[in-house]
């Protein structure tokens, strides 16, 4: 089993890697291009990125994760998932982080505060992006960024997903889409709505 991903940046990449580690730990991961890095239109870029992941990297599951920024996440999903070619739809998990992926990490403030070594009330409620990046150590230098990505990945892999599903419609939608694709791909993804965290 190989999972390919097309995301916006390093934090999104670490988030997807953590989910894969938790949901399909035997899978290999294949990195696609970062969204917007090719300089071509989104419609052409997403088609080429998914084609490369499916055909060149031989991926069984394709994950697309994007941010809604200041837009309603359902509107972003409807508009952007329509650009996924029909030939990829059955392989594709399409997620939209409400505002940004740092907001996903912050759905359960108590859980994140324990990870970051701070008080829950210190985490900004509106847009925690800058705070979360700094506290995870997501720096510009490669060695710092790699260590920060590993921390994010491990946090996501061990997180209480039920609180994220119950606390965010956009994450619940992403989770449901992942379950749909996993069921078609022989990935024994756990039912997080019933799972008890260890």
N, C-alpha and C. Protein backbone atom coordinates (compact mmCIF):
# COMPACT_ATOMS: atom_id res chain seq x y z
N UNK A 1 0.84 -1.19 0.00
CA UNK A 1 0.00 0.00 0.00
C UNK A 1 0.88 1.24 0.00
N UNK A 2 0.60 2.14 -0.93
CA UNK A 2 1.36 3.39 -1.00
C UNK A 2 0.37 4.56 -1.06
N UNK A 3 0.62 5.56 -0.22
CA UNK A 3 -0.24 6.74 -0.14
C UNK A 3 0.55 7.94 -0.64
N UNK A 4 0.01 8.62 -1.63
CA UNK A 4 0.63 9.84 -2.15
C UNK A 4 -0.15 11.05 -1.69
N UNK A 5 0.55 12.17 -1.51
CA UNK A 5 -0.15 13.35 -1.03
C UNK A 5 0.26 14.60 -1.80
N UNK A 6 -0.71 15.49 -1.94
CA UNK A 6 -0.56 16.78 -2.61
C UNK A 6 -1.09 17.82 -1.63
N UNK A 7 -0.19 18.58 -1.01
CA UNK A 7 -0.55 19.49 0.07
C UNK A 7 0.10 20.85 -0.14
N UNK A 8 -0.15 21.77 0.80
CA UNK A 8 0.32 23.15 0.62
C UNK A 8 1.69 23.45 1.21
N UNK A 9 2.13 22.67 2.18
CA UNK A 9 3.42 22.99 2.80
C UNK A 9 3.83 21.96 3.82
N UNK A 10 4.88 22.28 4.56
CA UNK A 10 5.49 21.34 5.49
C UNK A 10 4.57 20.94 6.64
N UNK A 11 3.80 21.88 7.19
CA UNK A 11 2.89 21.56 8.29
C UNK A 11 1.80 20.61 7.81
N UNK A 12 1.26 20.87 6.62
CA UNK A 12 0.23 20.00 6.04
C UNK A 12 0.81 18.61 5.78
N UNK A 13 2.05 18.57 5.29
CA UNK A 13 2.72 17.31 5.02
C UNK A 13 2.85 16.49 6.30
N UNK A 14 3.28 17.13 7.38
CA UNK A 14 3.44 16.44 8.66
C UNK A 14 2.10 15.95 9.18
N UNK A 15 1.06 16.73 8.99
CA UNK A 15 -0.30 16.36 9.41
C UNK A 15 -0.75 15.10 8.68
N UNK A 16 -0.59 15.07 7.37
CA UNK A 16 -0.98 13.90 6.57
C UNK A 16 -0.14 12.68 6.96
N UNK A 17 1.14 12.89 7.18
CA UNK A 17 2.02 11.77 7.58
C UNK A 17 1.58 11.19 8.92
N UNK A 18 1.17 12.04 9.85
CA UNK A 18 0.68 11.56 11.14
C UNK A 18 -0.59 10.76 11.01
N UNK A 19 -1.50 11.23 10.15
CA UNK A 19 -2.75 10.49 9.93
C UNK A 19 -2.47 9.14 9.28
N UNK A 20 -1.56 9.12 8.31
CA UNK A 20 -1.22 7.85 7.65
C UNK A 20 -0.59 6.87 8.65
N UNK A 21 0.27 7.40 9.50
CA UNK A 21 0.93 6.55 10.50
C UNK A 21 -0.09 5.92 11.44
N UNK A 22 -1.13 6.66 11.75
CA UNK A 22 -2.17 6.18 12.65
C UNK A 22 -3.17 5.27 11.94
N UNK A 23 -3.60 5.68 10.76
CA UNK A 23 -4.71 5.00 10.09
C UNK A 23 -4.27 3.83 9.22
N UNK A 24 -3.08 3.90 8.68
CA UNK A 24 -2.61 2.83 7.78
C UNK A 24 -1.09 2.70 7.96
N UNK A 25 -0.67 2.22 9.16
CA UNK A 25 0.75 2.27 9.52
C UNK A 25 1.69 1.46 8.64
N UNK A 26 1.17 0.51 7.90
CA UNK A 26 2.02 -0.30 7.03
C UNK A 26 2.29 0.38 5.68
N UNK A 27 1.58 1.46 5.42
CA UNK A 27 1.68 2.12 4.10
C UNK A 27 3.00 2.87 3.94
N UNK A 28 3.48 2.89 2.71
CA UNK A 28 4.58 3.79 2.34
C UNK A 28 3.97 5.12 1.93
N UNK A 29 4.73 6.20 2.12
CA UNK A 29 4.25 7.52 1.73
C UNK A 29 5.06 8.04 0.55
N UNK A 30 4.38 8.73 -0.35
CA UNK A 30 5.03 9.33 -1.51
C UNK A 30 4.65 10.80 -1.58
N UNK A 31 5.67 11.64 -1.58
CA UNK A 31 5.46 13.09 -1.60
C UNK A 31 5.18 13.58 -3.01
N UNK A 32 4.12 14.37 -3.14
CA UNK A 32 3.85 15.05 -4.40
C UNK A 32 4.43 16.45 -4.36
N UNK A 33 4.22 17.21 -5.39
CA UNK A 33 4.66 18.61 -5.38
C UNK A 33 3.82 19.38 -4.38
N UNK A 34 4.38 20.44 -3.80
CA UNK A 34 3.60 21.32 -2.95
C UNK A 34 2.70 22.16 -3.85
N UNK A 35 1.48 22.35 -3.39
CA UNK A 35 0.53 23.13 -4.17
C UNK A 35 1.07 24.53 -4.43
N UNK A 36 0.95 24.95 -5.69
CA UNK A 36 1.38 26.29 -6.08
C UNK A 36 2.85 26.39 -6.44
N UNK A 37 3.60 25.30 -6.28
CA UNK A 37 5.04 25.37 -6.53
C UNK A 37 5.41 25.25 -8.00
N UNK A 38 4.48 24.81 -8.83
CA UNK A 38 4.80 24.57 -10.24
C UNK A 38 4.67 25.82 -11.11
N UNK A 39 3.89 26.79 -10.63
CA UNK A 39 3.68 28.00 -11.42
C UNK A 39 2.63 27.87 -12.51
N UNK A 40 1.94 26.71 -12.57
CA UNK A 40 0.87 26.55 -13.56
C UNK A 40 -0.48 26.64 -12.86
N UNK A 41 -1.56 26.68 -13.61
CA UNK A 41 -2.89 26.82 -13.02
C UNK A 41 -3.20 25.65 -12.10
N UNK A 42 -4.07 25.90 -11.12
CA UNK A 42 -4.42 24.85 -10.15
C UNK A 42 -5.02 23.64 -10.86
N UNK A 43 -5.90 23.86 -11.83
CA UNK A 43 -6.53 22.74 -12.54
C UNK A 43 -5.47 21.86 -13.21
N UNK A 44 -4.50 22.47 -13.87
CA UNK A 44 -3.44 21.69 -14.53
C UNK A 44 -2.49 21.07 -13.51
N UNK A 45 -2.18 21.83 -12.45
CA UNK A 45 -1.24 21.33 -11.45
C UNK A 45 -1.79 20.12 -10.71
N UNK A 46 -3.06 20.19 -10.26
CA UNK A 46 -3.61 19.07 -9.50
C UNK A 46 -3.71 17.82 -10.37
N UNK A 47 -4.09 18.00 -11.62
CA UNK A 47 -4.16 16.85 -12.53
C UNK A 47 -2.78 16.21 -12.70
N UNK A 48 -1.76 17.04 -12.94
CA UNK A 48 -0.41 16.52 -13.14
C UNK A 48 0.15 15.89 -11.87
N UNK A 49 -0.13 16.54 -10.72
CA UNK A 49 0.37 16.02 -9.44
C UNK A 49 -0.23 14.64 -9.15
N UNK A 50 -1.53 14.50 -9.35
CA UNK A 50 -2.19 13.22 -9.07
C UNK A 50 -1.78 12.16 -10.09
N UNK A 51 -1.59 12.57 -11.33
CA UNK A 51 -1.12 11.63 -12.36
C UNK A 51 0.27 11.10 -12.00
N UNK A 52 1.17 12.00 -11.58
CA UNK A 52 2.52 11.58 -11.18
C UNK A 52 2.47 10.62 -10.00
N UNK A 53 1.63 10.93 -9.02
CA UNK A 53 1.54 10.07 -7.84
C UNK A 53 0.96 8.70 -8.20
N UNK A 54 -0.06 8.68 -9.02
CA UNK A 54 -0.69 7.40 -9.37
C UNK A 54 0.18 6.56 -10.29
N UNK A 55 0.70 7.18 -11.34
CA UNK A 55 1.40 6.41 -12.38
C UNK A 55 2.90 6.27 -12.13
N UNK A 56 3.59 7.37 -11.83
CA UNK A 56 5.04 7.31 -11.65
C UNK A 56 5.42 6.75 -10.28
N UNK A 57 4.66 7.14 -9.23
CA UNK A 57 5.00 6.68 -7.88
C UNK A 57 4.12 5.50 -7.44
N UNK A 58 3.22 5.08 -8.31
CA UNK A 58 2.40 3.88 -8.09
C UNK A 58 1.62 3.91 -6.78
N UNK A 59 0.94 5.02 -6.52
CA UNK A 59 0.18 5.18 -5.28
C UNK A 59 -1.21 4.56 -5.42
N UNK A 60 -1.66 3.96 -4.31
CA UNK A 60 -2.98 3.35 -4.25
C UNK A 60 -4.04 4.32 -3.74
N UNK A 61 -3.61 5.26 -2.91
CA UNK A 61 -4.49 6.28 -2.35
C UNK A 61 -3.83 7.64 -2.57
N UNK A 62 -4.64 8.63 -2.96
CA UNK A 62 -4.15 9.99 -3.21
C UNK A 62 -4.83 10.93 -2.22
N UNK A 63 -4.04 11.66 -1.45
CA UNK A 63 -4.59 12.59 -0.46
C UNK A 63 -4.33 14.01 -0.93
N UNK A 64 -5.40 14.79 -0.98
CA UNK A 64 -5.30 16.23 -1.27
C UNK A 64 -5.76 16.95 -0.02
N UNK A 65 -4.92 17.84 0.49
CA UNK A 65 -5.28 18.65 1.66
C UNK A 65 -4.99 20.10 1.35
N UNK A 66 -6.00 20.94 1.54
CA UNK A 66 -5.84 22.36 1.27
C UNK A 66 -6.45 23.16 2.41
N UNK A 67 -6.18 24.46 2.44
CA UNK A 67 -6.73 25.34 3.47
C UNK A 67 -7.92 26.11 2.91
N UNK A 68 -8.87 26.43 3.79
CA UNK A 68 -9.99 27.27 3.33
C UNK A 68 -9.65 28.75 3.47
N UNK A 69 -8.60 29.08 4.22
CA UNK A 69 -8.24 30.46 4.52
C UNK A 69 -9.44 31.18 5.13
N UNK A 70 -9.92 32.26 4.52
CA UNK A 70 -11.06 32.98 5.09
C UNK A 70 -12.38 32.59 4.44
N UNK A 71 -12.38 31.55 3.64
CA UNK A 71 -13.58 31.12 2.92
C UNK A 71 -14.27 29.98 3.65
N UNK A 72 -15.60 29.80 3.43
CA UNK A 72 -16.28 28.65 4.02
C UNK A 72 -15.68 27.35 3.46
N UNK A 73 -15.34 26.42 4.32
CA UNK A 73 -14.62 25.22 3.87
C UNK A 73 -15.44 24.40 2.88
N UNK A 74 -16.75 24.35 3.05
CA UNK A 74 -17.58 23.56 2.12
C UNK A 74 -17.53 24.15 0.71
N UNK A 75 -17.50 25.48 0.63
CA UNK A 75 -17.41 26.14 -0.68
C UNK A 75 -16.09 25.81 -1.34
N UNK A 76 -15.00 25.84 -0.56
CA UNK A 76 -13.68 25.51 -1.10
C UNK A 76 -13.65 24.06 -1.57
N UNK A 77 -14.19 23.16 -0.77
CA UNK A 77 -14.18 21.75 -1.16
C UNK A 77 -14.97 21.53 -2.44
N UNK A 78 -16.16 22.12 -2.52
CA UNK A 78 -16.99 21.95 -3.71
C UNK A 78 -16.28 22.48 -4.96
N UNK A 79 -15.67 23.65 -4.83
CA UNK A 79 -15.01 24.29 -5.97
C UNK A 79 -13.75 23.53 -6.39
N UNK A 80 -12.93 23.14 -5.42
CA UNK A 80 -11.63 22.56 -5.75
C UNK A 80 -11.68 21.06 -6.00
N UNK A 81 -12.54 20.34 -5.30
CA UNK A 81 -12.61 18.89 -5.55
C UNK A 81 -13.19 18.61 -6.93
N UNK A 82 -13.93 19.57 -7.47
CA UNK A 82 -14.46 19.41 -8.83
C UNK A 82 -13.35 19.40 -9.87
N UNK A 83 -12.17 19.88 -9.50
CA UNK A 83 -11.04 19.91 -10.43
C UNK A 83 -10.24 18.61 -10.41
N UNK A 84 -10.59 17.69 -9.50
CA UNK A 84 -9.95 16.36 -9.50
C UNK A 84 -10.54 15.58 -10.68
N UNK A 85 -9.71 15.13 -11.62
CA UNK A 85 -10.25 14.40 -12.78
C UNK A 85 -11.03 13.15 -12.35
N UNK A 86 -12.06 12.82 -13.11
CA UNK A 86 -12.90 11.66 -12.79
C UNK A 86 -12.10 10.38 -12.59
N UNK A 87 -11.03 10.22 -13.34
CA UNK A 87 -10.22 9.00 -13.27
C UNK A 87 -9.56 8.81 -11.91
N UNK A 88 -9.49 9.88 -11.09
CA UNK A 88 -8.84 9.81 -9.79
C UNK A 88 -9.83 9.80 -8.62
N UNK A 89 -11.10 10.07 -8.89
CA UNK A 89 -12.06 10.29 -7.80
C UNK A 89 -12.12 9.13 -6.81
N UNK A 90 -12.11 7.90 -7.30
CA UNK A 90 -12.25 6.74 -6.41
C UNK A 90 -11.02 6.50 -5.55
N UNK A 91 -9.87 7.10 -5.93
CA UNK A 91 -8.63 6.93 -5.17
C UNK A 91 -8.36 8.11 -4.24
N UNK A 92 -9.14 9.17 -4.37
CA UNK A 92 -8.78 10.46 -3.78
C UNK A 92 -9.53 10.77 -2.48
N UNK A 93 -8.75 11.10 -1.46
CA UNK A 93 -9.27 11.65 -0.20
C UNK A 93 -9.04 13.16 -0.29
N UNK A 94 -10.11 13.94 -0.21
CA UNK A 94 -9.99 15.39 -0.37
C UNK A 94 -10.38 16.07 0.92
N UNK A 95 -9.41 16.73 1.55
CA UNK A 95 -9.68 17.42 2.81
C UNK A 95 -9.46 18.92 2.70
N UNK A 96 -10.29 19.66 3.42
CA UNK A 96 -10.13 21.11 3.51
C UNK A 96 -10.02 21.48 4.98
N UNK A 97 -8.88 21.99 5.37
CA UNK A 97 -8.70 22.45 6.75
C UNK A 97 -9.42 23.78 6.90
N UNK A 98 -10.28 23.87 7.91
CA UNK A 98 -11.00 25.11 8.13
C UNK A 98 -10.01 26.19 8.56
N UNK A 99 -9.82 27.16 7.74
CA UNK A 99 -8.82 28.22 7.79
C UNK A 99 -7.44 27.68 7.43
N UNK A 100 -6.83 26.83 8.29
CA UNK A 100 -5.52 26.25 7.98
C UNK A 100 -5.32 24.99 8.82
N UNK A 101 -4.28 24.25 8.54
CA UNK A 101 -4.08 22.98 9.24
C UNK A 101 -3.72 23.19 10.71
N UNK A 102 -3.16 24.35 11.05
CA UNK A 102 -2.88 24.63 12.46
C UNK A 102 -4.17 24.72 13.26
N UNK A 103 -5.27 25.15 12.61
CA UNK A 103 -6.58 25.15 13.28
C UNK A 103 -7.05 23.72 13.55
N UNK A 104 -6.74 22.79 12.64
CA UNK A 104 -7.06 21.38 12.89
C UNK A 104 -6.31 20.88 14.12
N UNK A 105 -5.03 21.21 14.19
CA UNK A 105 -4.22 20.78 15.33
C UNK A 105 -4.75 21.37 16.64
N UNK A 106 -5.46 22.49 16.54
CA UNK A 106 -5.94 23.22 17.72
C UNK A 106 -7.40 22.93 18.06
N UNK A 107 -8.02 21.98 17.39
CA UNK A 107 -9.44 21.70 17.66
C UNK A 107 -9.64 21.42 19.14
N UNK A 108 -8.77 20.61 19.70
CA UNK A 108 -8.81 20.30 21.14
C UNK A 108 -7.65 21.07 21.79
N UNK A 109 -7.96 22.26 22.31
CA UNK A 109 -6.93 23.14 22.88
C UNK A 109 -6.18 22.47 24.04
N UNK A 110 -6.88 21.72 24.87
CA UNK A 110 -6.23 21.07 26.01
C UNK A 110 -5.18 20.07 25.54
N UNK A 111 -5.56 19.27 24.57
CA UNK A 111 -4.66 18.26 24.03
C UNK A 111 -3.41 18.91 23.43
N UNK A 112 -3.62 19.98 22.64
CA UNK A 112 -2.49 20.66 22.01
C UNK A 112 -1.62 21.36 23.05
N UNK A 113 -2.23 21.94 24.06
CA UNK A 113 -1.47 22.65 25.10
C UNK A 113 -0.51 21.70 25.82
N UNK A 114 -0.95 20.48 26.08
CA UNK A 114 -0.08 19.49 26.71
C UNK A 114 1.12 19.21 25.81
N UNK A 115 0.86 19.06 24.52
CA UNK A 115 1.95 18.80 23.56
C UNK A 115 2.93 19.96 23.49
N UNK A 116 2.40 21.19 23.49
CA UNK A 116 3.24 22.37 23.29
C UNK A 116 3.85 22.89 24.59
N UNK A 117 3.42 22.34 25.73
CA UNK A 117 3.95 22.81 27.01
C UNK A 117 3.51 24.21 27.35
N UNK A 118 2.24 24.51 27.09
CA UNK A 118 1.71 25.84 27.40
C UNK A 118 0.32 25.67 28.02
N UNK A 119 -0.30 26.77 28.38
CA UNK A 119 -1.68 26.75 28.87
C UNK A 119 -2.62 26.83 27.67
N UNK A 120 -3.77 26.16 27.78
CA UNK A 120 -4.74 26.16 26.67
C UNK A 120 -5.15 27.57 26.29
N UNK A 121 -5.27 28.45 27.28
CA UNK A 121 -5.73 29.81 26.99
C UNK A 121 -4.67 30.65 26.26
N UNK A 122 -3.44 30.17 26.22
CA UNK A 122 -2.39 30.86 25.46
C UNK A 122 -2.53 30.64 23.95
N UNK A 123 -3.21 29.59 23.55
CA UNK A 123 -3.35 29.27 22.12
C UNK A 123 -4.43 30.18 21.53
N UNK A 124 -4.09 31.01 20.55
CA UNK A 124 -5.09 31.90 19.96
C UNK A 124 -6.27 31.11 19.38
N UNK A 125 -7.47 31.62 19.65
CA UNK A 125 -8.68 30.90 19.20
C UNK A 125 -9.00 31.18 17.73
N UNK A 126 -8.77 32.39 17.25
CA UNK A 126 -9.17 32.75 15.90
C UNK A 126 -8.25 32.12 14.85
N UNK A 127 -6.99 32.43 14.91
CA UNK A 127 -6.02 31.84 13.98
C UNK A 127 -4.73 31.54 14.73
N UNK A 128 -4.56 30.28 15.15
CA UNK A 128 -3.37 29.92 15.94
C UNK A 128 -2.13 29.61 15.11
N UNK A 129 -2.18 29.86 13.81
CA UNK A 129 -1.14 29.40 12.90
C UNK A 129 0.27 29.79 13.35
N UNK A 130 0.51 31.08 13.54
CA UNK A 130 1.85 31.53 13.90
C UNK A 130 2.31 30.95 15.23
N UNK A 131 1.43 30.97 16.22
CA UNK A 131 1.75 30.44 17.55
C UNK A 131 2.12 28.96 17.46
N UNK A 132 1.31 28.18 16.76
CA UNK A 132 1.52 26.73 16.67
C UNK A 132 2.83 26.43 15.94
N UNK A 133 3.09 27.14 14.85
CA UNK A 133 4.34 26.91 14.11
C UNK A 133 5.56 27.19 14.98
N UNK A 134 5.53 28.30 15.71
CA UNK A 134 6.66 28.65 16.56
C UNK A 134 6.83 27.61 17.67
N UNK A 135 5.74 27.21 18.31
CA UNK A 135 5.85 26.28 19.44
C UNK A 135 6.29 24.88 18.99
N UNK A 136 5.92 24.50 17.78
CA UNK A 136 6.40 23.22 17.26
C UNK A 136 7.83 23.33 16.74
N UNK A 137 8.31 24.56 16.55
CA UNK A 137 9.67 24.76 16.05
C UNK A 137 9.78 24.66 14.55
N UNK A 138 8.70 25.01 13.87
CA UNK A 138 8.69 24.93 12.41
C UNK A 138 9.48 26.11 11.85
N UNK A 139 10.81 25.96 11.79
CA UNK A 139 11.69 27.04 11.34
C UNK A 139 11.97 26.97 9.86
N UNK A 140 12.73 27.90 9.40
CA UNK A 140 13.08 27.98 7.99
C UNK A 140 14.21 27.03 7.60
N UNK A 141 15.13 26.76 8.54
CA UNK A 141 16.25 25.89 8.22
C UNK A 141 15.79 24.44 8.17
N UNK A 142 16.34 23.69 7.23
CA UNK A 142 15.87 22.33 6.97
C UNK A 142 15.93 21.44 8.20
N UNK A 143 17.01 21.52 8.97
CA UNK A 143 17.15 20.63 10.12
C UNK A 143 16.09 20.92 11.19
N UNK A 144 15.76 22.19 11.38
CA UNK A 144 14.70 22.56 12.33
C UNK A 144 13.34 22.13 11.80
N UNK A 145 13.13 22.35 10.53
CA UNK A 145 11.84 22.00 9.92
C UNK A 145 11.59 20.50 9.98
N UNK A 146 12.62 19.71 9.72
CA UNK A 146 12.47 18.26 9.76
C UNK A 146 12.12 17.76 11.16
N UNK A 147 12.76 18.32 12.18
CA UNK A 147 12.46 17.94 13.56
C UNK A 147 11.05 18.36 13.94
N UNK A 148 10.63 19.55 13.50
CA UNK A 148 9.28 20.03 13.78
C UNK A 148 8.24 19.16 13.09
N UNK A 149 8.51 18.77 11.85
CA UNK A 149 7.58 17.90 11.13
C UNK A 149 7.41 16.57 11.85
N UNK A 150 8.49 16.05 12.39
CA UNK A 150 8.42 14.79 13.13
C UNK A 150 7.59 14.95 14.40
N UNK A 151 7.73 16.08 15.08
CA UNK A 151 6.92 16.35 16.28
C UNK A 151 5.44 16.43 15.93
N UNK A 152 5.12 17.13 14.85
CA UNK A 152 3.72 17.25 14.43
C UNK A 152 3.17 15.88 14.05
N UNK A 153 3.93 15.14 13.28
CA UNK A 153 3.53 13.80 12.85
C UNK A 153 3.21 12.92 14.06
N UNK A 154 4.08 12.91 15.05
CA UNK A 154 3.87 12.08 16.24
C UNK A 154 2.67 12.55 17.05
N UNK A 155 2.49 13.87 17.14
CA UNK A 155 1.31 14.40 17.85
C UNK A 155 0.03 13.94 17.18
N UNK A 156 -0.04 14.06 15.86
CA UNK A 156 -1.25 13.66 15.12
C UNK A 156 -1.48 12.16 15.26
N UNK A 157 -0.42 11.38 15.16
CA UNK A 157 -0.55 9.92 15.23
C UNK A 157 -1.10 9.45 16.57
N UNK A 158 -0.87 10.23 17.65
CA UNK A 158 -1.32 9.82 18.98
C UNK A 158 -2.53 10.61 19.48
N UNK A 159 -3.03 11.54 18.68
CA UNK A 159 -4.09 12.45 19.13
C UNK A 159 -5.41 11.73 19.39
N UNK A 160 -6.24 12.36 20.19
CA UNK A 160 -7.61 11.89 20.40
C UNK A 160 -8.45 12.36 19.22
N UNK A 161 -8.59 11.51 18.23
CA UNK A 161 -9.29 11.88 16.99
C UNK A 161 -10.77 12.13 17.21
N UNK A 162 -11.37 11.45 18.18
CA UNK A 162 -12.81 11.62 18.40
C UNK A 162 -13.11 13.08 18.75
N UNK A 163 -12.23 13.69 19.54
CA UNK A 163 -12.47 15.10 19.88
C UNK A 163 -12.34 15.99 18.64
N UNK A 164 -11.46 15.61 17.71
CA UNK A 164 -11.33 16.38 16.47
C UNK A 164 -12.56 16.19 15.58
N UNK A 165 -13.04 14.94 15.48
CA UNK A 165 -14.22 14.65 14.66
C UNK A 165 -15.44 15.37 15.22
N UNK A 166 -15.61 15.29 16.54
CA UNK A 166 -16.76 15.93 17.18
C UNK A 166 -16.65 17.45 17.17
N UNK A 167 -15.42 17.97 17.14
CA UNK A 167 -15.22 19.40 17.26
C UNK A 167 -15.09 20.17 15.97
N UNK A 168 -15.05 19.46 14.83
CA UNK A 168 -14.85 20.14 13.54
C UNK A 168 -15.57 19.41 12.41
N UNK A 169 -16.52 20.10 11.80
CA UNK A 169 -17.23 19.50 10.66
C UNK A 169 -16.28 19.23 9.49
N UNK A 170 -15.30 20.11 9.29
CA UNK A 170 -14.39 19.91 8.15
C UNK A 170 -13.49 18.71 8.39
N UNK A 171 -13.01 18.52 9.62
CA UNK A 171 -12.18 17.34 9.90
C UNK A 171 -13.04 16.07 9.83
N UNK A 172 -14.27 16.12 10.34
CA UNK A 172 -15.17 14.95 10.26
C UNK A 172 -15.41 14.55 8.81
N UNK A 173 -15.56 15.54 7.94
CA UNK A 173 -15.76 15.26 6.51
C UNK A 173 -14.52 14.60 5.91
N UNK A 174 -13.35 15.11 6.25
CA UNK A 174 -12.08 14.54 5.78
C UNK A 174 -11.94 13.09 6.27
N UNK A 175 -12.25 12.87 7.54
CA UNK A 175 -12.19 11.53 8.12
C UNK A 175 -13.13 10.57 7.39
N UNK A 176 -14.37 11.02 7.14
CA UNK A 176 -15.34 10.17 6.45
C UNK A 176 -14.88 9.84 5.04
N UNK A 177 -14.27 10.81 4.37
CA UNK A 177 -13.75 10.58 3.02
C UNK A 177 -12.60 9.56 3.06
N UNK A 178 -11.75 9.68 4.08
CA UNK A 178 -10.64 8.73 4.23
C UNK A 178 -11.18 7.32 4.49
N UNK A 179 -12.22 7.20 5.30
CA UNK A 179 -12.82 5.88 5.57
C UNK A 179 -13.40 5.27 4.29
N UNK A 180 -14.01 6.12 3.47
CA UNK A 180 -14.59 5.64 2.21
C UNK A 180 -13.50 5.05 1.31
N UNK A 181 -12.41 5.78 1.14
CA UNK A 181 -11.33 5.32 0.27
C UNK A 181 -10.60 4.12 0.88
N UNK A 182 -10.40 4.16 2.19
CA UNK A 182 -9.71 3.05 2.87
C UNK A 182 -10.47 1.74 2.69
N UNK A 183 -11.79 1.81 2.74
CA UNK A 183 -12.61 0.60 2.59
C UNK A 183 -12.44 -0.02 1.21
N UNK A 184 -12.13 0.78 0.21
CA UNK A 184 -11.93 0.28 -1.15
C UNK A 184 -10.49 -0.15 -1.40
N UNK A 185 -9.59 0.13 -0.44
CA UNK A 185 -8.16 -0.05 -0.68
C UNK A 185 -7.48 -1.03 0.27
N UNK A 186 -8.25 -1.83 0.97
CA UNK A 186 -7.68 -2.81 1.90
C UNK A 186 -6.79 -2.18 2.97
N UNK A 187 -7.15 -0.99 3.40
CA UNK A 187 -6.44 -0.34 4.50
C UNK A 187 -7.35 -0.47 5.72
N UNK A 188 -6.89 -1.17 6.74
CA UNK A 188 -7.72 -1.41 7.92
C UNK A 188 -7.82 -0.20 8.83
N UNK A 189 -8.36 0.86 8.33
CA UNK A 189 -8.44 2.11 9.08
C UNK A 189 -9.40 1.97 10.26
N UNK A 190 -8.98 2.37 11.47
CA UNK A 190 -9.85 2.21 12.64
C UNK A 190 -11.06 3.15 12.60
N UNK A 191 -12.10 2.74 13.29
CA UNK A 191 -13.27 3.59 13.46
C UNK A 191 -13.00 4.52 14.64
N UNK A 192 -12.62 5.75 14.34
CA UNK A 192 -12.22 6.70 15.39
C UNK A 192 -13.40 7.15 16.24
N UNK A 193 -14.61 7.01 15.73
CA UNK A 193 -15.78 7.40 16.52
C UNK A 193 -16.02 6.43 17.68
N UNK A 194 -15.48 5.22 17.54
CA UNK A 194 -15.66 4.21 18.59
C UNK A 194 -14.36 3.89 19.33
N UNK A 195 -13.24 4.30 18.78
CA UNK A 195 -11.94 3.92 19.32
C UNK A 195 -11.64 4.64 20.62
N UNK A 196 -11.10 3.92 21.57
CA UNK A 196 -10.65 4.51 22.82
C UNK A 196 -9.15 4.76 22.71
N UNK A 197 -8.72 5.99 22.95
CA UNK A 197 -7.28 6.29 22.90
C UNK A 197 -6.57 5.61 24.05
N UNK A 198 -5.35 5.10 23.73
CA UNK A 198 -4.55 4.45 24.76
C UNK A 198 -3.76 5.49 25.53
